[in-house]
N, C-alpha and C. Protein backbone atom coordinates (compact mmCIF):
# COMPACT_ATOMS: atom_id res chain seq x y z
N MET A 1 106.49 93.68 102.23
CA MET A 1 107.25 94.77 102.35
C MET A 1 106.00 96.68 101.94
N THR A 2 106.76 97.48 102.79
CA THR A 2 105.57 97.83 102.75
C THR A 2 105.95 99.66 102.35
N THR A 3 105.97 100.91 101.54
CA THR A 3 106.91 101.55 101.29
C THR A 3 105.88 102.79 101.93
N SER A 4 106.52 104.17 102.22
CA SER A 4 105.30 105.34 102.48
C SER A 4 105.01 105.44 101.68
N THR A 5 103.80 106.54 101.50
CA THR A 5 102.72 106.30 100.54
C THR A 5 102.67 108.57 101.20
N VAL A 6 102.86 109.14 99.77
CA VAL A 6 102.75 110.93 99.63
C VAL A 6 101.94 110.50 99.71
N PRO A 7 101.13 111.69 99.85
CA PRO A 7 99.50 112.09 99.44
C PRO A 7 99.70 113.70 98.37
N ALA A 8 98.77 114.24 97.73
CA ALA A 8 98.41 114.80 97.02
C ALA A 8 99.86 116.58 97.13
N ASN A 9 99.35 116.49 98.87
CA ASN A 9 99.64 117.87 99.08
C ASN A 9 101.32 117.31 99.45
N GLY A 10 101.79 116.21 99.55
CA GLY A 10 103.27 116.28 98.94
C GLY A 10 103.68 115.63 101.02
N ALA A 11 102.92 115.77 102.06
CA ALA A 11 103.06 115.55 102.84
C ALA A 11 103.20 114.21 103.66
N ARG A 12 104.02 113.75 104.03
CA ARG A 12 104.44 112.30 104.08
C ARG A 12 103.57 111.00 104.97
N ARG A 13 102.89 110.24 104.52
CA ARG A 13 102.33 109.24 105.45
C ARG A 13 103.02 108.47 105.80
N PRO A 14 102.71 107.77 107.07
CA PRO A 14 103.18 106.94 107.62
C PRO A 14 102.96 105.74 106.75
N SER A 15 103.27 104.53 106.25
CA SER A 15 102.83 103.56 105.46
C SER A 15 102.51 102.88 106.69
N HIS A 16 101.04 101.60 106.02
CA HIS A 16 100.02 100.67 106.61
C HIS A 16 101.19 99.57 106.23
N PRO A 17 101.28 98.39 107.09
CA PRO A 17 101.75 96.69 106.85
C PRO A 17 101.36 95.89 106.21
N VAL A 18 101.84 95.56 104.60
CA VAL A 18 100.62 94.56 103.86
C VAL A 18 102.11 93.92 104.21
N THR A 19 101.88 92.47 103.80
CA THR A 19 102.60 91.51 103.08
C THR A 19 101.60 90.87 101.71
N SER A 20 102.04 90.27 101.63
CA SER A 20 102.05 89.65 99.48
C SER A 20 102.51 87.56 99.93
N GLY A 21 101.72 87.53 99.19
CA GLY A 21 101.10 86.47 98.92
C GLY A 21 102.08 86.05 96.72
N PRO A 22 102.13 85.17 96.26
CA PRO A 22 102.11 85.11 94.81
C PRO A 22 100.95 84.85 94.32
N VAL A 23 101.22 85.40 92.74
CA VAL A 23 100.13 85.22 91.88
C VAL A 23 100.38 84.31 91.44
N VAL A 24 98.77 84.09 91.29
CA VAL A 24 98.44 82.71 90.53
C VAL A 24 96.63 83.29 89.60
N LYS A 25 96.92 81.85 88.12
CA LYS A 25 95.82 81.59 88.01
C LYS A 25 94.77 81.53 88.23
N LEU A 26 93.80 82.61 88.29
CA LEU A 26 92.05 82.50 88.80
C LEU A 26 91.03 82.14 87.78
N PRO A 27 90.75 81.22 86.69
CA PRO A 27 90.05 81.24 86.06
C PRO A 27 88.68 81.46 86.99
N THR A 28 87.27 81.75 86.36
CA THR A 28 86.30 82.43 86.55
C THR A 28 85.08 81.99 85.47
N ALA A 29 83.87 82.52 86.04
CA ALA A 29 82.95 82.81 84.74
C ALA A 29 83.06 83.31 83.86
N PHE A 30 83.86 84.58 85.02
CA PHE A 30 83.90 86.34 83.79
C PHE A 30 85.09 86.10 83.25
N GLY A 31 86.25 84.90 83.08
CA GLY A 31 87.56 84.64 82.83
C GLY A 31 88.24 84.60 83.38
N GLU A 32 89.07 84.90 82.31
CA GLU A 32 90.17 84.69 83.97
C GLU A 32 90.76 85.67 84.48
N PHE A 33 91.53 85.27 85.21
CA PHE A 33 92.52 87.16 86.06
C PHE A 33 92.95 86.12 86.72
N ILE A 34 94.66 87.07 86.62
CA ILE A 34 95.74 86.23 88.41
C ILE A 34 94.89 86.57 89.43
N ALA A 35 95.51 86.05 89.72
CA ALA A 35 94.91 86.92 91.87
C ALA A 35 96.32 87.08 92.84
N GLN A 36 96.48 87.25 93.65
CA GLN A 36 96.72 87.85 94.98
C GLN A 36 96.61 88.12 96.81
N ALA A 37 96.59 86.82 97.77
CA ALA A 37 96.54 87.90 98.53
C ALA A 37 96.77 88.28 99.26
N TRP A 38 96.89 89.32 100.21
CA TRP A 38 97.13 90.14 100.76
C TRP A 38 96.90 90.15 102.41
N ILE A 39 97.69 89.74 103.37
CA ILE A 39 97.75 90.41 104.63
C ILE A 39 97.31 91.71 105.11
N ASP A 40 96.90 92.06 106.07
CA ASP A 40 97.17 93.58 107.06
C ASP A 40 98.41 93.79 107.90
N GLU A 41 98.80 93.45 108.08
CA GLU A 41 99.49 92.91 109.74
C GLU A 41 98.90 93.16 110.75
N GLU A 42 98.38 94.60 110.97
CA GLU A 42 98.15 95.62 111.80
C GLU A 42 96.74 94.06 112.39
N THR A 43 95.98 94.17 111.43
CA THR A 43 94.46 93.17 111.44
C THR A 43 94.94 91.93 111.60
N GLY A 44 95.11 91.41 110.98
CA GLY A 44 95.80 90.66 110.72
C GLY A 44 94.48 89.93 109.69
N ALA A 45 94.30 90.54 108.71
CA ALA A 45 92.51 90.56 107.50
C ALA A 45 93.06 90.70 106.31
N GLU A 46 92.86 89.46 105.74
CA GLU A 46 93.88 88.98 103.96
C GLU A 46 92.37 89.06 104.03
N HIS A 47 92.93 90.40 102.42
CA HIS A 47 92.18 90.11 101.67
C HIS A 47 92.90 89.81 100.15
N LEU A 48 91.75 89.95 98.95
CA LEU A 48 92.52 89.68 97.70
C LEU A 48 92.25 90.47 96.77
N ALA A 49 93.53 90.56 95.20
CA ALA A 49 93.44 91.58 94.43
C ALA A 49 93.40 91.11 93.50
N VAL A 50 91.53 90.73 92.59
CA VAL A 50 92.00 89.91 91.46
C VAL A 50 91.90 90.69 90.80
N SER A 51 93.15 90.30 89.28
CA SER A 51 93.45 91.83 88.38
C SER A 51 93.37 91.39 87.69
N SER A 52 92.65 91.73 86.44
CA SER A 52 92.98 91.68 84.86
C SER A 52 94.54 91.24 84.00
N PRO A 53 94.66 89.73 83.43
CA PRO A 53 95.86 89.75 83.24
C PRO A 53 95.92 90.64 82.32
N GLU A 54 95.43 91.09 81.27
CA GLU A 54 95.38 92.20 79.92
C GLU A 54 95.76 93.72 80.63
N PRO A 55 96.23 94.34 79.89
CA PRO A 55 96.27 95.87 80.37
C PRO A 55 95.02 96.88 80.27
N PRO A 56 95.87 97.58 80.71
CA PRO A 56 95.20 98.72 80.17
C PRO A 56 94.92 99.68 78.77
N ASP A 57 93.78 99.68 77.68
CA ASP A 57 95.06 100.70 76.39
C ASP A 57 95.38 101.66 76.99
N PRO A 58 96.53 101.99 75.72
CA PRO A 58 97.45 102.87 76.64
C PRO A 58 96.64 104.61 76.77
N GLY A 59 98.00 104.82 78.10
CA GLY A 59 96.53 106.59 78.04
C GLY A 59 95.99 106.05 79.58
N VAL A 60 95.09 104.57 79.22
CA VAL A 60 94.06 105.15 80.34
C VAL A 60 94.29 104.01 81.56
N ALA A 61 94.27 104.99 83.49
CA ALA A 61 94.43 104.26 84.29
C ALA A 61 93.38 102.79 84.17
N PRO A 62 94.44 102.21 84.97
CA PRO A 62 93.51 101.63 84.88
C PRO A 62 92.28 100.86 85.74
N LEU A 63 90.73 100.81 86.48
CA LEU A 63 90.12 100.90 86.82
C LEU A 63 90.47 99.64 88.51
N VAL A 64 89.75 99.31 89.06
CA VAL A 64 89.92 99.33 90.67
C VAL A 64 88.69 99.37 91.50
N ARG A 65 88.96 98.19 91.88
CA ARG A 65 87.19 98.33 92.58
C ARG A 65 87.10 97.42 93.74
N LEU A 66 87.10 99.13 94.77
CA LEU A 66 87.06 98.56 96.34
C LEU A 66 86.15 97.57 96.96
N HIS A 67 85.81 96.50 96.90
CA HIS A 67 84.71 95.64 97.11
C HIS A 67 84.86 95.48 98.63
N SER A 68 83.92 95.58 99.14
CA SER A 68 83.78 95.45 100.75
C SER A 68 83.19 94.06 101.50
N GLU A 69 83.28 93.03 101.35
CA GLU A 69 83.05 91.65 102.01
C GLU A 69 81.40 92.11 101.82
N CYS A 70 80.54 90.68 101.92
CA CYS A 70 79.00 91.04 101.91
C CYS A 70 79.12 89.44 101.81
N LEU A 71 78.79 88.52 102.69
CA LEU A 71 78.54 87.58 102.84
C LEU A 71 77.31 86.45 102.02
N THR A 72 76.26 87.99 102.65
CA THR A 72 75.14 88.39 102.51
C THR A 72 74.61 87.86 101.01
N GLY A 73 74.92 89.38 99.80
CA GLY A 73 74.34 89.25 98.58
C GLY A 73 76.59 88.68 98.16
N ASP A 74 77.14 88.45 98.19
CA ASP A 74 78.37 88.14 97.84
C ASP A 74 78.34 86.52 97.40
N ILE A 75 77.90 86.28 98.14
CA ILE A 75 78.27 84.78 97.64
C ILE A 75 76.37 83.68 98.17
N PHE A 76 74.77 84.71 98.79
CA PHE A 76 73.63 83.81 98.94
C PHE A 76 73.24 84.23 98.10
N GLY A 77 74.15 86.03 97.30
CA GLY A 77 73.16 87.14 96.12
C GLY A 77 72.28 87.94 96.25
N SER A 78 71.45 87.38 97.40
CA SER A 78 70.65 88.64 99.06
C SER A 78 70.54 89.64 97.99
N TYR A 79 69.01 89.66 97.74
CA TYR A 79 68.38 90.65 96.93
C TYR A 79 68.41 92.42 98.20
N ARG A 80 68.60 92.22 99.53
CA ARG A 80 68.68 93.31 100.50
C ARG A 80 69.36 94.34 100.69
N CYS A 81 70.55 93.52 99.24
CA CYS A 81 71.75 94.88 98.45
C CYS A 81 71.72 94.69 96.92
N ASP A 82 73.13 94.82 97.12
CA ASP A 82 73.03 95.72 95.27
C ASP A 82 74.98 95.34 95.92
N CYS A 83 75.13 94.40 96.65
CA CYS A 83 76.40 93.28 96.51
C CYS A 83 76.78 93.36 95.83
N GLY A 84 76.17 92.08 95.40
CA GLY A 84 77.07 91.03 95.13
C GLY A 84 76.86 91.18 93.90
N GLU A 85 75.61 92.07 93.18
CA GLU A 85 75.90 92.32 91.83
C GLU A 85 76.04 93.22 91.12
N GLN A 86 77.11 94.58 91.79
CA GLN A 86 78.28 94.93 91.92
C GLN A 86 79.53 94.08 91.41
N LEU A 87 79.49 93.13 92.85
CA LEU A 87 80.66 92.84 92.00
C LEU A 87 81.11 91.64 91.28
N ALA A 88 80.16 91.12 89.97
CA ALA A 88 79.42 90.75 89.53
C ALA A 88 79.17 91.91 88.46
N TYR A 89 78.98 92.31 88.37
CA TYR A 89 79.16 93.72 87.38
C TYR A 89 81.35 94.16 86.76
N ALA A 90 81.90 94.64 88.39
CA ALA A 90 83.13 94.95 87.63
C ALA A 90 83.65 93.68 87.55
N LEU A 91 84.00 92.88 88.29
CA LEU A 91 84.85 91.73 87.61
C LEU A 91 84.29 91.65 86.21
N GLY A 92 83.12 91.74 85.78
CA GLY A 92 83.31 91.53 84.00
C GLY A 92 84.05 92.89 83.52
N LEU A 93 83.65 93.60 83.84
CA LEU A 93 83.87 95.03 83.56
C LEU A 93 85.75 95.48 83.22
N ILE A 94 86.42 94.78 84.33
CA ILE A 94 87.60 95.31 85.45
C ILE A 94 88.84 93.80 84.22
N ARG A 95 87.17 92.38 83.58
CA ARG A 95 88.41 91.53 82.58
C ARG A 95 88.55 92.38 80.98
N GLU A 96 87.23 92.86 81.32
CA GLU A 96 87.00 93.37 80.07
C GLU A 96 88.00 94.63 79.59
N GLN A 97 88.09 95.79 80.60
CA GLN A 97 89.09 96.54 81.31
C GLN A 97 90.11 96.59 81.02
N GLY A 98 90.32 95.99 81.45
CA GLY A 98 91.52 96.36 82.54
C GLY A 98 92.00 96.36 84.51
N GLY A 99 92.43 96.61 84.73
CA GLY A 99 92.02 96.84 86.05
C GLY A 99 92.31 95.94 87.25
N THR A 100 92.28 95.81 88.74
CA THR A 100 92.24 94.96 89.72
C THR A 100 90.80 96.17 90.98
N LEU A 101 90.56 94.25 90.60
CA LEU A 101 89.56 94.28 91.88
C LEU A 101 89.97 93.64 93.55
N LEU A 102 89.94 94.32 94.66
CA LEU A 102 90.56 94.48 95.88
C LEU A 102 89.26 94.67 96.89
N TYR A 103 89.20 92.89 97.02
CA TYR A 103 88.11 91.69 97.71
C TYR A 103 88.44 92.36 99.22
N LEU A 104 88.26 92.73 100.21
CA LEU A 104 88.44 93.96 101.18
C LEU A 104 87.99 92.53 102.61
N ARG A 105 88.40 92.07 102.66
CA ARG A 105 88.03 90.86 104.44
C ARG A 105 87.13 91.37 105.15
N GLY A 106 86.87 91.37 106.37
CA GLY A 106 86.44 92.51 107.20
C GLY A 106 85.70 93.42 107.23
N HIS A 107 85.07 93.40 106.60
CA HIS A 107 84.15 94.84 105.54
C HIS A 107 82.79 94.92 106.06
N GLU A 108 82.11 93.34 106.68
CA GLU A 108 81.20 92.80 106.17
C GLU A 108 80.04 93.98 106.95
N GLY A 109 78.75 93.69 105.97
CA GLY A 109 77.86 95.03 107.27
C GLY A 109 78.88 96.94 107.41
N ARG A 110 80.28 96.97 106.23
CA ARG A 110 80.09 98.39 106.37
C ARG A 110 81.24 98.04 107.66
N GLY A 111 81.79 97.24 107.83
CA GLY A 111 82.70 97.15 108.75
C GLY A 111 82.74 96.92 110.32
N ILE A 112 80.98 96.85 110.63
CA ILE A 112 80.39 96.04 111.94
C ILE A 112 80.60 93.87 112.61
N GLY A 113 80.52 94.17 111.03
CA GLY A 113 80.99 92.26 111.38
C GLY A 113 79.86 91.56 110.54
N LEU A 114 79.61 90.81 110.66
CA LEU A 114 78.10 90.30 109.90
C LEU A 114 76.96 90.42 111.08
N ALA A 115 77.37 89.00 112.82
CA ALA A 115 76.42 88.57 113.66
C ALA A 115 75.81 90.26 114.18
N ASN A 116 76.41 91.42 113.57
CA ASN A 116 76.26 92.20 113.59
C ASN A 116 74.21 93.25 112.23
N LYS A 117 75.29 92.06 111.66
CA LYS A 117 74.63 92.96 110.63
C LYS A 117 73.26 92.52 110.27
N ILE A 118 73.26 90.35 111.37
CA ILE A 118 72.10 90.00 111.18
C ILE A 118 70.75 91.02 111.99
N ARG A 119 71.32 91.62 113.33
CA ARG A 119 70.80 92.29 114.00
C ARG A 119 70.26 93.61 113.16
N ALA A 120 71.26 93.72 112.57
CA ALA A 120 70.39 95.66 111.91
C ALA A 120 69.76 95.52 110.89
N TYR A 121 70.05 93.89 110.49
CA TYR A 121 68.26 93.48 109.49
C TYR A 121 67.27 93.71 110.01
N SER A 122 67.52 92.91 111.59
CA SER A 122 66.24 93.05 112.27
C SER A 122 65.45 94.43 113.04
N LEU A 123 66.58 94.91 112.60
CA LEU A 123 65.59 96.07 113.15
C LEU A 123 65.52 97.43 111.93
N GLN A 124 66.55 97.14 110.62
CA GLN A 124 65.60 97.88 109.43
C GLN A 124 63.75 96.85 109.59
N GLU A 125 63.29 95.51 109.75
CA GLU A 125 62.38 95.25 109.64
C GLU A 125 61.28 95.92 110.36
N ALA A 126 62.16 96.52 111.29
CA ALA A 126 60.99 97.08 112.68
C ALA A 126 60.95 98.48 112.09
N GLY A 127 60.95 98.74 110.43
CA GLY A 127 61.03 100.21 110.32
C GLY A 127 62.47 101.54 109.91
N PHE A 128 62.74 100.58 110.81
CA PHE A 128 65.04 101.59 110.49
C PHE A 128 65.35 101.88 109.55
N ASP A 129 65.77 102.86 108.78
CA ASP A 129 66.59 102.43 108.10
C ASP A 129 67.97 102.13 108.29
N THR A 130 68.90 101.89 107.45
CA THR A 130 70.26 101.15 107.97
C THR A 130 70.84 101.71 108.45
N VAL A 131 71.81 103.29 108.18
CA VAL A 131 71.94 104.07 109.06
C VAL A 131 70.77 103.92 111.00
N GLU A 132 69.36 103.48 110.61
CA GLU A 132 69.55 104.02 111.95
C GLU A 132 69.06 102.83 112.31
N ALA A 133 69.39 101.84 111.50
CA ALA A 133 69.05 100.75 112.47
C ALA A 133 70.80 100.72 113.13
N ASN A 134 71.77 101.35 112.66
CA ASN A 134 72.78 100.83 113.09
C ASN A 134 73.27 101.84 114.17
N GLU A 135 72.59 102.91 114.40
CA GLU A 135 73.05 103.91 115.36
C GLU A 135 72.18 103.24 116.44
N GLN A 136 71.01 102.41 116.43
CA GLN A 136 70.31 101.93 117.59
C GLN A 136 70.96 100.80 118.66
N LEU A 137 72.27 100.12 117.65
CA LEU A 137 72.67 98.89 118.73
C LEU A 137 73.56 99.78 118.45
N GLY A 138 74.34 101.66 119.20
CA GLY A 138 75.49 101.79 119.07
C GLY A 138 76.34 101.56 118.98
N LEU A 139 76.52 101.69 117.57
CA LEU A 139 77.87 100.96 116.31
C LEU A 139 77.87 102.13 115.08
N PRO A 140 78.23 102.32 114.55
CA PRO A 140 79.24 103.43 113.39
C PRO A 140 78.57 102.85 112.23
N VAL A 141 77.78 103.80 111.82
CA VAL A 141 77.37 104.04 110.51
C VAL A 141 77.82 103.28 108.83
N ASP A 142 80.05 103.39 109.25
CA ASP A 142 80.44 102.85 108.72
C ASP A 142 81.70 102.97 108.90
N ALA A 143 82.24 101.33 109.63
CA ALA A 143 82.92 101.42 110.76
C ALA A 143 84.44 100.98 108.99
N ARG A 144 84.49 101.62 107.93
CA ARG A 144 86.07 100.94 107.47
C ARG A 144 87.00 100.89 107.42
N SER A 145 88.59 100.49 107.26
CA SER A 145 88.97 102.10 107.01
C SER A 145 89.65 101.25 105.87
N TYR A 146 90.24 102.22 105.12
CA TYR A 146 91.55 101.80 103.88
C TYR A 146 92.49 102.46 103.36
N HIS A 147 92.44 101.73 105.14
CA HIS A 147 94.62 102.23 104.96
C HIS A 147 95.37 100.90 104.27
N ALA A 148 95.05 99.80 104.55
CA ALA A 148 94.94 98.34 103.82
C ALA A 148 95.16 98.50 103.10
N ALA A 149 93.49 98.83 101.97
CA ALA A 149 93.62 99.30 101.51
C ALA A 149 93.82 100.27 99.76
N ALA A 150 94.54 101.59 100.32
CA ALA A 150 95.51 102.09 99.78
C ALA A 150 96.95 102.10 99.61
N GLN A 151 97.95 101.08 100.83
CA GLN A 151 98.69 100.95 100.41
C GLN A 151 98.78 99.64 99.74
N ILE A 152 98.23 98.48 100.17
CA ILE A 152 98.10 97.41 99.15
C ILE A 152 98.07 98.09 97.32
N LEU A 153 97.62 99.17 96.51
CA LEU A 153 97.47 99.35 96.08
C LEU A 153 98.68 100.24 95.52
N SER A 154 99.26 100.68 95.90
CA SER A 154 100.64 101.56 96.38
C SER A 154 101.66 100.65 95.45
N GLU A 155 101.33 99.76 96.18
CA GLU A 155 102.78 98.25 96.29
C GLU A 155 102.50 97.78 94.71
N MET A 156 101.46 98.04 94.69
CA MET A 156 100.64 96.96 93.23
C MET A 156 101.21 97.61 91.95
N GLY A 157 101.60 99.45 92.45
CA GLY A 157 101.79 100.48 90.82
C GLY A 157 100.49 101.28 90.12
N LEU A 158 99.46 100.73 91.79
CA LEU A 158 98.31 101.88 91.41
C LEU A 158 98.39 102.71 91.85
N THR A 159 98.79 103.22 91.39
CA THR A 159 98.48 105.37 92.56
C THR A 159 98.31 106.02 91.59
N HIS A 160 97.19 106.53 90.19
CA HIS A 160 96.28 106.84 89.53
C HIS A 160 95.31 105.83 89.01
N ILE A 161 94.15 105.64 89.72
CA ILE A 161 93.51 105.07 88.94
C ILE A 161 91.96 105.78 88.67
N ARG A 162 91.35 104.59 88.15
CA ARG A 162 89.38 104.83 87.67
C ARG A 162 88.38 104.08 88.57
N LEU A 163 88.27 105.22 89.25
CA LEU A 163 88.11 103.74 90.37
C LEU A 163 86.11 103.36 90.58
N LEU A 164 85.44 101.99 90.37
CA LEU A 164 84.79 101.55 89.88
C LEU A 164 84.30 102.10 91.38
N SER A 165 83.31 102.35 91.62
CA SER A 165 82.45 103.03 92.77
C SER A 165 81.30 104.48 92.79
N ASN A 166 79.97 104.01 93.35
CA ASN A 166 79.64 104.88 93.76
C ASN A 166 79.07 106.19 95.00
N ASN A 167 79.90 106.01 96.06
CA ASN A 167 81.05 106.13 96.26
C ASN A 167 82.26 107.11 97.02
N PRO A 168 81.53 109.06 96.84
CA PRO A 168 82.89 110.09 96.86
C PRO A 168 83.52 109.73 97.75
N ASP A 169 83.08 108.76 99.03
CA ASP A 169 83.84 108.63 100.44
C ASP A 169 85.27 107.82 100.39
N LYS A 170 85.20 107.13 99.44
CA LYS A 170 86.09 105.99 99.15
C LYS A 170 87.61 107.14 98.72
N GLN A 171 86.85 107.06 97.89
CA GLN A 171 88.35 108.79 96.36
C GLN A 171 88.37 110.20 97.17
N ASN A 172 87.33 110.00 98.83
CA ASN A 172 88.47 111.30 99.68
C ASN A 172 89.80 110.06 100.61
N ARG A 173 89.05 109.08 100.93
CA ARG A 173 90.10 108.19 101.48
C ARG A 173 91.52 107.46 101.13
N LEU A 174 91.34 108.08 99.43
CA LEU A 174 92.41 107.24 98.95
C LEU A 174 93.15 108.62 97.92
N ALA A 175 92.08 109.54 98.19
CA ALA A 175 93.39 110.55 97.86
C ALA A 175 94.26 111.06 99.21
N GLN A 176 93.07 111.14 100.21
CA GLN A 176 94.66 111.14 101.51
C GLN A 176 95.49 110.16 101.57
N ALA A 177 96.11 109.14 101.70
CA ALA A 177 96.61 107.81 101.50
C ALA A 177 97.19 108.10 100.01
N GLY A 178 97.47 109.00 99.02
CA GLY A 178 98.38 109.29 98.16
C GLY A 178 97.59 108.23 96.68
N VAL A 179 96.33 107.75 96.50
CA VAL A 179 95.53 106.98 95.48
C VAL A 179 94.98 108.72 95.03
N HIS A 180 95.11 108.20 93.75
CA HIS A 180 94.67 110.10 93.32
C HIS A 180 94.06 108.90 91.62
N VAL A 181 92.98 109.57 92.33
CA VAL A 181 91.53 108.62 91.76
C VAL A 181 91.17 109.34 90.46
N VAL A 182 91.59 108.88 88.93
CA VAL A 182 91.72 110.40 88.10
C VAL A 182 89.65 110.50 87.95
N GLU A 183 88.62 109.49 88.00
CA GLU A 183 87.72 109.22 87.41
C GLU A 183 87.54 108.17 87.93
N MET A 184 85.55 108.61 88.66
CA MET A 184 84.86 107.66 89.05
C MET A 184 83.74 106.96 88.32
N VAL A 185 83.97 105.88 88.28
CA VAL A 185 83.24 105.19 87.13
C VAL A 185 82.49 104.44 87.81
N ARG A 186 80.73 105.25 87.44
CA ARG A 186 79.59 103.84 88.48
C ARG A 186 79.68 102.65 87.99
N THR A 187 79.13 102.29 89.37
CA THR A 187 78.35 100.90 89.15
C THR A 187 77.76 100.26 89.63
N GLU A 188 76.22 101.59 89.29
CA GLU A 188 75.15 101.92 89.30
C GLU A 188 74.16 100.30 88.67
N VAL A 189 73.65 99.11 90.12
CA VAL A 189 72.70 98.20 89.24
C VAL A 189 71.49 99.02 89.00
N PRO A 190 70.79 97.34 88.60
CA PRO A 190 69.12 98.10 88.97
C PRO A 190 68.48 97.57 90.45
N SER A 191 68.31 98.51 90.48
CA SER A 191 66.82 98.38 92.53
C SER A 191 66.35 97.69 92.15
N ARG A 192 65.76 97.14 92.95
CA ARG A 192 64.74 96.07 93.40
C ARG A 192 64.06 96.30 93.76
N ALA A 193 62.35 96.18 94.57
CA ALA A 193 61.42 96.63 95.22
C ALA A 193 62.49 96.07 96.68
N GLU A 194 63.57 94.72 96.91
CA GLU A 194 63.44 94.92 98.15
C GLU A 194 65.05 95.74 98.31
N ASN A 195 66.02 96.90 97.50
CA ASN A 195 66.91 96.93 98.12
C ASN A 195 66.13 98.46 98.09
N LEU A 196 65.18 98.99 98.14
CA LEU A 196 65.23 100.15 97.17
C LEU A 196 65.59 101.13 98.36
N ARG A 197 65.21 100.49 99.53
CA ARG A 197 64.74 101.47 101.00
C ARG A 197 66.79 101.74 101.28
N TYR A 198 67.60 100.53 101.12
CA TYR A 198 68.54 100.70 101.31
C TYR A 198 69.55 101.86 100.36
N LEU A 199 68.83 101.55 99.15
CA LEU A 199 69.71 102.53 98.21
C LEU A 199 68.86 104.36 98.13
N GLN A 200 68.50 104.04 98.58
CA GLN A 200 67.54 105.58 98.94
C GLN A 200 68.36 105.63 100.17
N THR A 201 69.01 105.58 101.47
CA THR A 201 69.19 106.08 101.81
C THR A 201 70.73 105.84 101.74
N LYS A 202 71.29 104.58 101.79
CA LYS A 202 72.97 106.53 100.73
C LYS A 202 72.90 106.08 99.78
N LYS A 203 71.57 107.26 99.37
CA LYS A 203 71.98 107.90 98.28
C LYS A 203 71.60 109.39 98.92
N GLU A 204 69.89 109.25 99.82
CA GLU A 204 70.08 110.43 100.79
C GLU A 204 70.81 110.79 102.00
N ARG A 205 72.18 109.95 103.01
CA ARG A 205 72.53 109.91 103.63
C ARG A 205 73.87 109.92 104.21
N MET A 206 74.36 109.15 102.57
CA MET A 206 75.53 109.00 102.67
C MET A 206 76.01 109.81 101.28
N ALA A 207 75.36 110.67 100.10
CA ALA A 207 75.96 111.14 99.05
C ALA A 207 76.22 109.83 98.73
N HIS A 208 76.05 108.67 97.94
CA HIS A 208 76.56 107.81 96.97
C HIS A 208 75.90 108.87 96.20
N LEU A 209 75.94 108.57 94.83
CA LEU A 209 76.09 109.03 93.24
C LEU A 209 75.18 107.75 92.54
N LEU A 210 74.27 108.32 93.41
CA LEU A 210 72.60 106.67 92.26
C LEU A 210 72.10 107.71 92.06
N THR A 211 71.12 106.75 90.55
CA THR A 211 69.88 107.63 90.23
C THR A 211 68.44 107.55 90.64
N LEU A 212 68.38 106.08 91.40
CA LEU A 212 67.35 104.91 91.03
C LEU A 212 65.97 105.23 90.79
N ASP A 213 65.86 104.35 89.68
CA ASP A 213 65.09 103.78 89.28
C ASP A 213 63.74 103.48 90.05
N VAL A 214 63.02 104.53 90.70
CA VAL A 214 62.39 104.44 91.57
C VAL A 214 60.85 103.32 90.95
N GLN A 215 60.75 103.36 90.02
CA GLN A 215 58.81 102.98 89.29
C GLN A 215 59.30 101.74 88.92
N ALA A 216 60.85 101.94 87.66
CA ALA A 216 60.73 99.94 88.13
C ALA A 216 61.35 99.19 88.29
N ALA A 217 61.94 99.89 90.04
CA ALA A 217 62.07 98.61 91.56
C ALA A 217 60.65 97.94 91.64
N LEU A 218 59.80 99.04 91.47
CA LEU A 218 58.82 98.65 92.14
C LEU A 218 58.18 96.75 92.22
N PRO A 219 57.50 96.47 92.98
CA PRO A 219 56.19 95.39 92.19
C PRO A 219 55.41 96.07 91.43
N THR A 220 55.45 95.77 89.68
CA THR A 220 53.73 95.31 89.41
C THR A 220 52.86 94.64 89.49
N THR A 221 51.85 96.19 89.60
CA THR A 221 50.80 95.94 90.53
C THR A 221 49.88 94.73 88.85
N HIS A 222 48.76 94.05 88.65
CA HIS A 222 47.73 93.61 87.48
C HIS A 222 46.45 94.59 88.46
N PRO A 223 45.20 94.26 87.28
CA PRO A 223 44.48 95.30 87.34
C PRO A 223 43.30 93.71 87.71
N ASP A 224 42.01 93.24 88.02
CA ASP A 224 41.99 91.53 88.70
C ASP A 224 41.07 91.83 87.19
N ASN A 225 40.90 90.80 86.80
CA ASN A 225 40.41 90.26 85.64
C ASN A 225 39.12 89.60 85.78
N GLY A 226 39.05 89.58 87.49
CA GLY A 226 38.01 87.74 87.49
C GLY A 226 36.82 89.15 88.14
């Protein structure tokens, strides 16, 4: 079942068709959560809402993380990105403070898909940054849609949230869909030598709110004692 969404300017926006399944317990390494699957009826994508069973403190908006699927980072712990570490950080914070992580499938490689992401990796190894690699492939820099995510949040009653993200574009997209972000909560995790350029591109070319400790990310060199 879907409902219409009303943005802050009062204009009624057509709802995005999503359907939900049962709510179940989900015990994890980060503590116990409750989980609910959602289906985007337009694309067929299956998303997962993972929520703390405890509500936030009275008067405090729930934390929400829109986490784009990243097989390499989330499953294999790749250091080429910060996705897996952000996922772990967000789950820990949500379990502690109350809220929901919405795991968005079909968002692999910012929406270009797994095979194209690996092709982009090959171009990055040839010297292109993440933006340039997508452009070389004739693909959008960011092809993700947040219509289904906003609709799911609305149907879950999460219309005033604290957004766990470094990406202001997510805040803007949610606002257009009628979800009010009362606060941006940074999810910056320590950068590494392997993902430093990736993160610098996010900051410099995609306006992500990152500080980046460049020196800490660089490999430590030791003088030759021989």
